[in-house]
Amino acid sequence: CVIARYKVLSWQRDRGRDRLVFREGVIDQLAQ
């Protein structure tokens, strides 16, 4: 799940121009 979290961040970064992308802080809270 730690690896998956980083893969989600990477996937989100790659699609940063999409409107439905969470900020990194939101992903951290969701991950916890």
PDB file of all heavy atoms in Angstrom:
ATOM      1  N   CYS A   1       0.825  -1.215   0.000  1.00  0.00           N
ATOM      2  CA  CYS A   1       0.000   0.000   0.000  1.00  0.00           C
ATOM      3  C   CYS A   1       0.858   1.264   0.000  1.00  0.00           C
ATOM      4  O   CYS A   1       0.469   2.282  -0.586  1.00  0.00           O
ATOM      5  CB  CYS A   1      -0.967  -0.002   1.177  1.00  0.00           C
ATOM      6  SG  CYS A   1      -2.368  -1.122   0.906  1.00  0.00           S
ATOM      7  N   VAL A   2       2.019   1.212   0.622  1.00  0.00           N
ATOM      8  CA  VAL A   2       2.937   2.363   0.551  1.00  0.00           C
ATOM      9  C   VAL A   2       3.388   2.559  -0.895  1.00  0.00           C
ATOM     10  O   VAL A   2       3.382   3.682  -1.411  1.00  0.00           O
ATOM     11  CB  VAL A   2       4.149   2.162   1.496  1.00  0.00           C
ATOM     12  CG1 VAL A   2       5.228   3.191   1.227  1.00  0.00           C
ATOM     13  CG2 VAL A   2       3.701   2.231   2.949  1.00  0.00           C
ATOM     14  N   ILE A   3       3.736   1.466  -1.544  1.00  0.00           N
ATOM     15  CA  ILE A   3       4.129   1.548  -2.959  1.00  0.00           C
ATOM     16  C   ILE A   3       2.958   2.045  -3.795  1.00  0.00           C
ATOM     17  O   ILE A   3       3.114   2.919  -4.662  1.00  0.00           O
ATOM     18  CB  ILE A   3       4.652   0.181  -3.459  1.00  0.00           C
ATOM     19  CG1 ILE A   3       5.990  -0.134  -2.784  1.00  0.00           C
ATOM     20  CG2 ILE A   3       4.783   0.161  -4.988  1.00  0.00           C
ATOM     21  CD1 ILE A   3       6.516  -1.525  -3.033  1.00  0.00           C
ATOM     22  N   ALA A   4       1.764   1.529  -3.525  1.00  0.00           N
ATOM     23  CA  ALA A   4       0.566   1.938  -4.273  1.00  0.00           C
ATOM     24  C   ALA A   4       0.308   3.437  -4.099  1.00  0.00           C
ATOM     25  O   ALA A   4      -0.071   4.118  -5.050  1.00  0.00           O
ATOM     26  CB  ALA A   4      -0.648   1.134  -3.815  1.00  0.00           C
ATOM     27  N   ARG A   5       0.508   3.938  -2.892  1.00  0.00           N
ATOM     28  CA  ARG A   5       0.294   5.374  -2.634  1.00  0.00           C
ATOM     29  C   ARG A   5       1.192   6.211  -3.541  1.00  0.00           C
ATOM     30  O   ARG A   5       0.749   7.186  -4.145  1.00  0.00           O
ATOM     31  CB  ARG A   5       0.579   5.683  -1.167  1.00  0.00           C
ATOM     32  CG  ARG A   5       0.401   7.137  -0.834  1.00  0.00           C
ATOM     33  CD  ARG A   5       0.657   7.369   0.663  1.00  0.00           C
ATOM     34  NE  ARG A   5       0.867   8.759   0.896  1.00  0.00           N
ATOM     35  CZ  ARG A   5       2.048   9.351   0.927  1.00  0.00           C
ATOM     36  NH1 ARG A   5       3.146   8.640   0.755  1.00  0.00           N
ATOM     37  NH2 ARG A   5       2.153  10.631   1.139  1.00  0.00           N
ATOM     38  N   TYR A   6       2.449   5.826  -3.648  1.00  0.00           N
ATOM     39  CA  TYR A   6       3.361   6.577  -4.515  1.00  0.00           C
ATOM     40  C   TYR A   6       2.984   6.429  -5.985  1.00  0.00           C
ATOM     41  O   TYR A   6       3.128   7.365  -6.770  1.00  0.00           O
ATOM     42  CB  TYR A   6       4.815   6.175  -4.261  1.00  0.00           C
ATOM     43  CG  TYR A   6       5.324   6.750  -2.963  1.00  0.00           C
ATOM     44  CD1 TYR A   6       5.505   5.946  -1.841  1.00  0.00           C
ATOM     45  CD2 TYR A   6       5.577   8.109  -2.842  1.00  0.00           C
ATOM     46  CE1 TYR A   6       5.933   6.482  -0.647  1.00  0.00           C
ATOM     47  CE2 TYR A   6       6.011   8.660  -1.644  1.00  0.00           C
ATOM     48  CZ  TYR A   6       6.186   7.847  -0.556  1.00  0.00           C
ATOM     49  OH  TYR A   6       6.610   8.390   0.633  1.00  0.00           O
ATOM     50  N   LYS A   7       2.476   5.272  -6.345  1.00  0.00           N
ATOM     51  CA  LYS A   7       2.025   5.083  -7.725  1.00  0.00           C
ATOM     52  C   LYS A   7       0.787   5.942  -8.019  1.00  0.00           C
ATOM     53  O   LYS A   7       0.630   6.456  -9.123  1.00  0.00           O
ATOM     54  CB  LYS A   7       1.737   3.600  -8.016  1.00  0.00           C
ATOM     55  CG  LYS A   7       2.984   2.757  -8.062  1.00  0.00           C
ATOM     56  CD  LYS A   7       3.931   3.250  -9.141  1.00  0.00           C
ATOM     57  CE  LYS A   7       5.229   2.516  -9.174  1.00  0.00           C
ATOM     58  NZ  LYS A   7       6.145   3.046 -10.193  1.00  0.00           N
ATOM     59  N   VAL A   8      -0.091   6.102  -7.034  1.00  0.00           N
ATOM     60  CA  VAL A   8      -1.249   6.987  -7.202  1.00  0.00           C
ATOM     61  C   VAL A   8      -0.778   8.428  -7.384  1.00  0.00           C
ATOM     62  O   VAL A   8      -1.259   9.132  -8.274  1.00  0.00           O
ATOM     63  CB  VAL A   8      -2.211   6.885  -5.990  1.00  0.00           C
ATOM     64  CG1 VAL A   8      -3.221   8.028  -5.993  1.00  0.00           C
ATOM     65  CG2 VAL A   8      -2.936   5.546  -6.004  1.00  0.00           C
ATOM     66  N   LEU A   9       0.170   8.844  -6.554  1.00  0.00           N
ATOM     67  CA  LEU A   9       0.703  10.216  -6.684  1.00  0.00           C
ATOM     68  C   LEU A   9       1.312  10.424  -8.072  1.00  0.00           C
ATOM     69  O   LEU A   9       1.091  11.458  -8.704  1.00  0.00           O
ATOM     70  CB  LEU A   9       1.745  10.491  -5.599  1.00  0.00           C
ATOM     71  CG  LEU A   9       1.204  10.654  -4.185  1.00  0.00           C
ATOM     72  CD1 LEU A   9       2.350  10.666  -3.175  1.00  0.00           C
ATOM     73  CD2 LEU A   9       0.367  11.920  -4.070  1.00  0.00           C
ATOM     74  N   SER A  10       2.043   9.435  -8.539  1.00  0.00           N
ATOM     75  CA  SER A  10       2.654   9.522  -9.866  1.00  0.00           C
ATOM     76  C   SER A  10       1.582   9.583 -10.956  1.00  0.00           C
ATOM     77  O   SER A  10       1.667  10.382 -11.890  1.00  0.00           O
ATOM     78  CB  SER A  10       3.562   8.304 -10.083  1.00  0.00           C
ATOM     79  OG  SER A  10       4.077   8.291 -11.377  1.00  0.00           O
ATOM     80  N   TRP A  11       0.560   8.734 -10.821  1.00  0.00           N
ATOM     81  CA  TRP A  11      -0.528   8.725 -11.803  1.00  0.00           C
ATOM     82  C   TRP A  11      -1.248  10.071 -11.810  1.00  0.00           C
ATOM     83  O   TRP A  11      -1.568  10.609 -12.858  1.00  0.00           O
ATOM     84  CB  TRP A  11      -1.497   7.587 -11.477  1.00  0.00           C
ATOM     85  CG  TRP A  11      -2.536   7.353 -12.519  1.00  0.00           C
ATOM     86  CD1 TRP A  11      -2.412   6.565 -13.636  1.00  0.00           C
ATOM     87  CD2 TRP A  11      -3.849   7.918 -12.574  1.00  0.00           C
ATOM     88  NE1 TRP A  11      -3.575   6.599 -14.364  1.00  0.00           N
ATOM     89  CE2 TRP A  11      -4.476   7.431 -13.731  1.00  0.00           C
ATOM     90  CE3 TRP A  11      -4.561   8.786 -11.758  1.00  0.00           C
ATOM     91  CZ2 TRP A  11      -5.760   7.771 -14.100  1.00  0.00           C
ATOM     92  CZ3 TRP A  11      -5.847   9.126 -12.118  1.00  0.00           C
ATOM     93  CH2 TRP A  11      -6.433   8.629 -13.271  1.00  0.00           C
ATOM     94  N   GLN A  12      -1.478  10.622 -10.614  1.00  0.00           N
ATOM     95  CA  GLN A  12      -2.147  11.923 -10.498  1.00  0.00           C
ATOM     96  C   GLN A  12      -1.297  13.021 -11.127  1.00  0.00           C
ATOM     97  O   GLN A  12      -1.805  13.898 -11.811  1.00  0.00           O
ATOM     98  CB  GLN A  12      -2.405  12.265  -9.022  1.00  0.00           C
ATOM     99  CG  GLN A  12      -3.404  11.356  -8.359  1.00  0.00           C
ATOM    100  CD  GLN A  12      -4.811  11.886  -8.483  1.00  0.00           C
ATOM    101  OE1 GLN A  12      -5.372  11.967  -9.559  1.00  0.00           O
ATOM    102  NE2 GLN A  12      -5.365  12.256  -7.355  1.00  0.00           N
ATOM    103  N   ARG A  13       0.004  12.992 -10.862  1.00  0.00           N
ATOM    104  CA  ARG A  13       0.906  14.002 -11.425  1.00  0.00           C
ATOM    105  C   ARG A  13       0.888  13.950 -12.954  1.00  0.00           C
ATOM    106  O   ARG A  13       0.882  14.987 -13.612  1.00  0.00           O
ATOM    107  CB  ARG A  13       2.321  13.777 -10.902  1.00  0.00           C
ATOM    108  CG  ARG A  13       2.901  14.956 -10.194  1.00  0.00           C
ATOM    109  CD  ARG A  13       4.340  14.769  -9.755  1.00  0.00           C
ATOM    110  NE  ARG A  13       4.727  13.433  -9.350  1.00  0.00           N
ATOM    111  CZ  ARG A  13       4.609  12.950  -8.113  1.00  0.00           C
ATOM    112  NH1 ARG A  13       4.094  13.679  -7.170  1.00  0.00           N
ATOM    113  NH2 ARG A  13       5.007  11.724  -7.837  1.00  0.00           N
ATOM    114  N   ASP A  14       0.872  12.747 -13.495  1.00  0.00           N
ATOM    115  CA  ASP A  14       0.855  12.589 -14.951  1.00  0.00           C
ATOM    116  C   ASP A  14      -0.431  13.131 -15.562  1.00  0.00           C
ATOM    117  O   ASP A  14      -0.469  13.491 -16.728  1.00  0.00           O
ATOM    118  CB  ASP A  14       1.007  11.107 -15.343  1.00  0.00           C
ATOM    119  CG  ASP A  14       2.382  10.564 -15.016  1.00  0.00           C
ATOM    120  OD1 ASP A  14       3.294  11.362 -14.723  1.00  0.00           O
ATOM    121  OD2 ASP A  14       2.534   9.329 -15.029  1.00  0.00           O
ATOM    122  N   ARG A  15      -1.483  13.179 -14.784  1.00  0.00           N
ATOM    123  CA  ARG A  15      -2.767  13.671 -15.281  1.00  0.00           C
ATOM    124  C   ARG A  15      -3.158  14.988 -14.607  1.00  0.00           C
ATOM    125  O   ARG A  15      -4.313  15.299 -14.444  1.00  0.00           O
ATOM    126  CB  ARG A  15      -3.864  12.627 -15.035  1.00  0.00           C
ATOM    127  CG  ARG A  15      -3.786  11.544 -16.079  1.00  0.00           C
ATOM    128  CD  ARG A  15      -4.030  10.184 -15.454  1.00  0.00           C
ATOM    129  NE  ARG A  15      -3.663   9.112 -16.351  1.00  0.00           N
ATOM    130  CZ  ARG A  15      -2.465   8.551 -16.400  1.00  0.00           C
ATOM    131  NH1 ARG A  15      -1.504   8.976 -15.632  1.00  0.00           N
ATOM    132  NH2 ARG A  15      -2.214   7.576 -17.237  1.00  0.00           N
ATOM    133  N   GLY A  16      -2.177  15.762 -14.231  1.00  0.00           N
ATOM    134  CA  GLY A  16      -2.378  16.993 -13.480  1.00  0.00           C
ATOM    135  C   GLY A  16      -3.268  18.010 -14.151  1.00  0.00           C
ATOM    136  O   GLY A  16      -3.872  18.851 -13.499  1.00  0.00           O
ATOM    137  N   ARG A  17      -3.394  17.942 -15.435  1.00  0.00           N
ATOM    138  CA  ARG A  17      -4.232  18.934 -16.122  1.00  0.00           C
ATOM    139  C   ARG A  17      -5.720  18.541 -16.091  1.00  0.00           C
ATOM    140  O   ARG A  17      -6.582  19.320 -16.434  1.00  0.00           O
ATOM    141  CB  ARG A  17      -3.753  19.159 -17.539  1.00  0.00           C
ATOM    142  CG  ARG A  17      -3.654  17.940 -18.391  1.00  0.00           C
ATOM    143  CD  ARG A  17      -2.988  18.234 -19.735  1.00  0.00           C
ATOM    144  NE  ARG A  17      -2.906  17.019 -20.495  1.00  0.00           N
ATOM    145  CZ  ARG A  17      -1.964  16.113 -20.367  1.00  0.00           C
ATOM    146  NH1 ARG A  17      -0.988  16.284 -19.516  1.00  0.00           N
ATOM    147  NH2 ARG A  17      -1.981  15.017 -21.094  1.00  0.00           N
ATOM    148  N   ASP A  18      -6.024  17.295 -15.665  1.00  0.00           N
ATOM    149  CA  ASP A  18      -7.427  16.899 -15.520  1.00  0.00           C
ATOM    150  C   ASP A  18      -8.043  17.644 -14.343  1.00  0.00           C
ATOM    151  O   ASP A  18      -7.367  17.994 -13.378  1.00  0.00           O
ATOM    152  CB  ASP A  18      -7.538  15.387 -15.258  1.00  0.00           C
ATOM    153  CG  ASP A  18      -7.144  14.566 -16.470  1.00  0.00           C
ATOM    154  OD1 ASP A  18      -7.029  15.154 -17.565  1.00  0.00           O
ATOM    155  OD2 ASP A  18      -6.955  13.350 -16.316  1.00  0.00           O
ATOM    156  N   ARG A  19      -9.338  17.875 -14.412  1.00  0.00           N
ATOM    157  CA  ARG A  19     -10.012  18.595 -13.332  1.00  0.00           C
ATOM    158  C   ARG A  19     -10.213  17.726 -12.100  1.00  0.00           C
ATOM    159  O   ARG A  19     -10.214  18.228 -10.995  1.00  0.00           O
ATOM    160  CB  ARG A  19     -11.368  19.112 -13.808  1.00  0.00           C
ATOM    161  CG  ARG A  19     -11.224  20.295 -14.758  1.00  0.00           C
ATOM    162  CD  ARG A  19     -12.559  20.841 -15.145  1.00  0.00           C
ATOM    163  NE  ARG A  19     -13.245  19.843 -15.962  1.00  0.00           N
ATOM    164  CZ  ARG A  19     -14.548  19.687 -16.004  1.00  0.00           C
ATOM    165  NH1 ARG A  19     -15.320  20.442 -15.277  1.00  0.00           N
ATOM    166  NH2 ARG A  19     -15.097  18.777 -16.758  1.00  0.00           N
ATOM    167  N   LEU A  20     -10.391  16.440 -12.274  1.00  0.00           N
ATOM    168  CA  LEU A  20     -10.688  15.559 -11.144  1.00  0.00           C
ATOM    169  C   LEU A  20      -9.424  14.871 -10.620  1.00  0.00           C
ATOM    170  O   LEU A  20      -9.285  13.658 -10.665  1.00  0.00           O
ATOM    171  CB  LEU A  20     -11.715  14.499 -11.551  1.00  0.00           C
ATOM    172  CG  LEU A  20     -13.121  15.001 -11.775  1.00  0.00           C
ATOM    173  CD1 LEU A  20     -14.003  13.876 -12.297  1.00  0.00           C
ATOM    174  CD2 LEU A  20     -13.699  15.561 -10.486  1.00  0.00           C
ATOM    175  N   VAL A  21      -8.493  15.660 -10.110  1.00  0.00           N
ATOM    176  CA  VAL A  21      -7.256  15.138  -9.556  1.00  0.00           C
ATOM    177  C   VAL A  21      -7.103  15.702  -8.147  1.00  0.00           C
ATOM    178  O   VAL A  21      -7.243  16.902  -7.939  1.00  0.00           O
ATOM    179  CB  VAL A  21      -6.044  15.535 -10.438  1.00  0.00           C
ATOM    180  CG1 VAL A  21      -4.746  15.120  -9.787  1.00  0.00           C
ATOM    181  CG2 VAL A  21      -6.164  14.902 -11.812  1.00  0.00           C
ATOM    182  N   PHE A  22      -6.848  14.822  -7.176  1.00  0.00           N
ATOM    183  CA  PHE A  22      -6.665  15.277  -5.800  1.00  0.00           C
ATOM    184  C   PHE A  22      -5.276  15.876  -5.616  1.00  0.00           C
ATOM    185  O   PHE A  22      -4.310  15.424  -6.227  1.00  0.00           O
ATOM    186  CB  PHE A  22      -6.811  14.108  -4.821  1.00  0.00           C
ATOM    187  CG  PHE A  22      -8.203  13.573  -4.689  1.00  0.00           C
ATOM    188  CD1 PHE A  22      -8.412  12.215  -4.529  1.00  0.00           C
ATOM    189  CD2 PHE A  22      -9.299  14.410  -4.701  1.00  0.00           C
ATOM    190  CE1 PHE A  22      -9.687  11.701  -4.377  1.00  0.00           C
ATOM    191  CE2 PHE A  22     -10.583  13.908  -4.563  1.00  0.00           C
ATOM    192  CZ  PHE A  22     -10.767  12.557  -4.399  1.00  0.00           C
ATOM    193  N   ARG A  23      -5.187  16.865  -4.737  1.00  0.00           N
ATOM    194  CA  ARG A  23      -3.883  17.403  -4.363  1.00  0.00           C
ATOM    195  C   ARG A  23      -3.180  16.380  -3.476  1.00  0.00           C
ATOM    196  O   ARG A  23      -3.797  15.527  -2.853  1.00  0.00           O
ATOM    197  CB  ARG A  23      -4.046  18.732  -3.618  1.00  0.00           C
ATOM    198  CG  ARG A  23      -4.390  19.865  -4.584  1.00  0.00           C
ATOM    199  CD  ARG A  23      -4.490  21.167  -3.864  1.00  0.00           C
ATOM    200  NE  ARG A  23      -5.856  21.203  -3.319  1.00  0.00           N
ATOM    201  CZ  ARG A  23      -6.212  21.849  -2.249  1.00  0.00           C
ATOM    202  NH1 ARG A  23      -5.336  22.541  -1.567  1.00  0.00           N
ATOM    203  NH2 ARG A  23      -7.458  21.842  -1.832  1.00  0.00           N
ATOM    204  N   GLU A  24      -1.867  16.502  -3.386  1.00  0.00           N
ATOM    205  CA  GLU A  24      -1.065  15.532  -2.642  1.00  0.00           C
ATOM    206  C   GLU A  24      -1.482  15.455  -1.177  1.00  0.00           C
ATOM    207  O   GLU A  24      -1.530  14.372  -0.588  1.00  0.00           O
ATOM    208  CB  GLU A  24       0.422  15.898  -2.751  1.00  0.00           C
ATOM    209  CG  GLU A  24       1.334  14.799  -2.287  1.00  0.00           C
ATOM    210  CD  GLU A  24       2.781  15.034  -2.649  1.00  0.00           C
ATOM    211  OE1 GLU A  24       3.063  15.687  -3.666  1.00  0.00           O
ATOM    212  OE2 GLU A  24       3.635  14.548  -1.889  1.00  0.00           O
ATOM    213  N   GLY A  25      -1.808  16.581  -0.565  1.00  0.00           N
ATOM    214  CA  GLY A  25      -2.245  16.590   0.838  1.00  0.00           C
ATOM    215  C   GLY A  25      -3.514  15.790   1.043  1.00  0.00           C
ATOM    216  O   GLY A  25      -3.677  15.097   2.055  1.00  0.00           O
ATOM    217  N   VAL A  26      -4.432  15.879   0.085  1.00  0.00           N
ATOM    218  CA  VAL A  26      -5.685  15.129   0.167  1.00  0.00           C
ATOM    219  C   VAL A  26      -5.385  13.631   0.058  1.00  0.00           C
ATOM    220  O   VAL A  26      -5.935  12.817   0.807  1.00  0.00           O
ATOM    221  CB  VAL A  26      -6.677  15.582  -0.929  1.00  0.00           C
ATOM    222  CG1 VAL A  26      -7.902  14.688  -0.958  1.00  0.00           C
ATOM    223  CG2 VAL A  26      -7.065  17.034  -0.717  1.00  0.00           C
ATOM    224  N   ILE A  27      -4.492  13.283  -0.853  1.00  0.00           N
ATOM    225  CA  ILE A  27      -4.123  11.866  -1.022  1.00  0.00           C
ATOM    226  C   ILE A  27      -3.471  11.345   0.256  1.00  0.00           C
ATOM    227  O   ILE A  27      -3.741  10.223   0.685  1.00  0.00           O
ATOM    228  CB  ILE A  27      -3.211  11.669  -2.248  1.00  0.00           C
ATOM    229  CG1 ILE A  27      -4.026  11.893  -3.518  1.00  0.00           C
ATOM    230  CG2 ILE A  27      -2.584  10.281  -2.249  1.00  0.00           C
ATOM    231  CD1 ILE A  27      -3.249  11.788  -4.797  1.00  0.00           C
ATOM    232  N   ASP A  28      -2.629  12.157   0.912  1.00  0.00           N
ATOM    233  CA  ASP A  28      -2.012  11.735   2.173  1.00  0.00           C
ATOM    234  C   ASP A  28      -3.074  11.445   3.225  1.00  0.00           C
ATOM    235  O   ASP A  28      -3.012  10.427   3.920  1.00  0.00           O
ATOM    236  CB  ASP A  28      -1.055  12.814   2.699  1.00  0.00           C
ATOM    237  CG  ASP A  28       0.232  12.886   1.899  1.00  0.00           C
ATOM    238  OD1 ASP A  28       0.538  11.919   1.169  1.00  0.00           O
ATOM    239  OD2 ASP A  28       0.921  13.917   1.997  1.00  0.00           O
ATOM    240  N   GLN A  29      -4.068  12.326   3.349  1.00  0.00           N
ATOM    241  CA  GLN A  29      -5.132  12.116   4.336  1.00  0.00           C
ATOM    242  C   GLN A  29      -5.965  10.881   3.989  1.00  0.00           C
ATOM    243  O   GLN A  29      -6.297  10.082   4.876  1.00  0.00           O
ATOM    244  CB  GLN A  29      -6.033  13.348   4.421  1.00  0.00           C
ATOM    245  CG  GLN A  29      -5.352  14.520   5.089  1.00  0.00           C
ATOM    246  CD  GLN A  29      -6.246  15.761   5.109  1.00  0.00           C
ATOM    247  OE1 GLN A  29      -7.199  15.865   4.353  1.00  0.00           O
ATOM    248  NE2 GLN A  29      -5.898  16.687   5.993  1.00  0.00           N
ATOM    249  N   LEU A  30      -6.288  10.731   2.720  1.00  0.00           N
ATOM    250  CA  LEU A  30      -7.040   9.555   2.297  1.00  0.00           C
ATOM    251  C   LEU A  30      -6.252   8.267   2.557  1.00  0.00           C
ATOM    252  O   LEU A  30      -6.816   7.253   2.980  1.00  0.00           O
ATOM    253  CB  LEU A  30      -7.410   9.655   0.814  1.00  0.00           C
ATOM    254  CG  LEU A  30      -8.449  10.703   0.438  1.00  0.00           C
ATOM    255  CD1 LEU A  30      -8.537  10.843  -1.072  1.00  0.00           C
ATOM    256  CD2 LEU A  30      -9.809  10.348   1.021  1.00  0.00           C
ATOM    257  N   ALA A  31      -4.944   8.314   2.316  1.00  0.00           N
ATOM    258  CA  ALA A  31      -4.100   7.136   2.524  1.00  0.00           C
ATOM    259  C   ALA A  31      -4.070   6.742   3.997  1.00  0.00           C
ATOM    260  O   ALA A  31      -4.153   5.560   4.331  1.00  0.00           O
ATOM    261  CB  ALA A  31      -2.688   7.390   2.015  1.00  0.00           C
ATOM    262  N   GLN A  32      -3.970   7.731   4.886  1.00  0.00           N
ATOM    263  CA  GLN A  32      -3.952   7.428   6.323  1.00  0.00           C
ATOM    264  C   GLN A  32      -5.269   6.779   6.751  1.00  0.00           C
ATOM    265  O   GLN A  32      -5.277   5.786   7.483  1.00  0.00           O
ATOM    266  CB  GLN A  32      -3.707   8.698   7.126  1.00  0.00           C
ATOM    267  CG  GLN A  32      -2.295   9.216   6.988  1.00  0.00           C
ATOM    268  CD  GLN A  32      -2.111  10.595   7.621  1.00  0.00           C
ATOM    269  OE1 GLN A  32      -3.032  11.143   8.209  1.00  0.00           O
ATOM    270  NE2 GLN A  32      -0.923  11.137   7.475  1.00  0.00           N
TER     271      GLN A  32
END
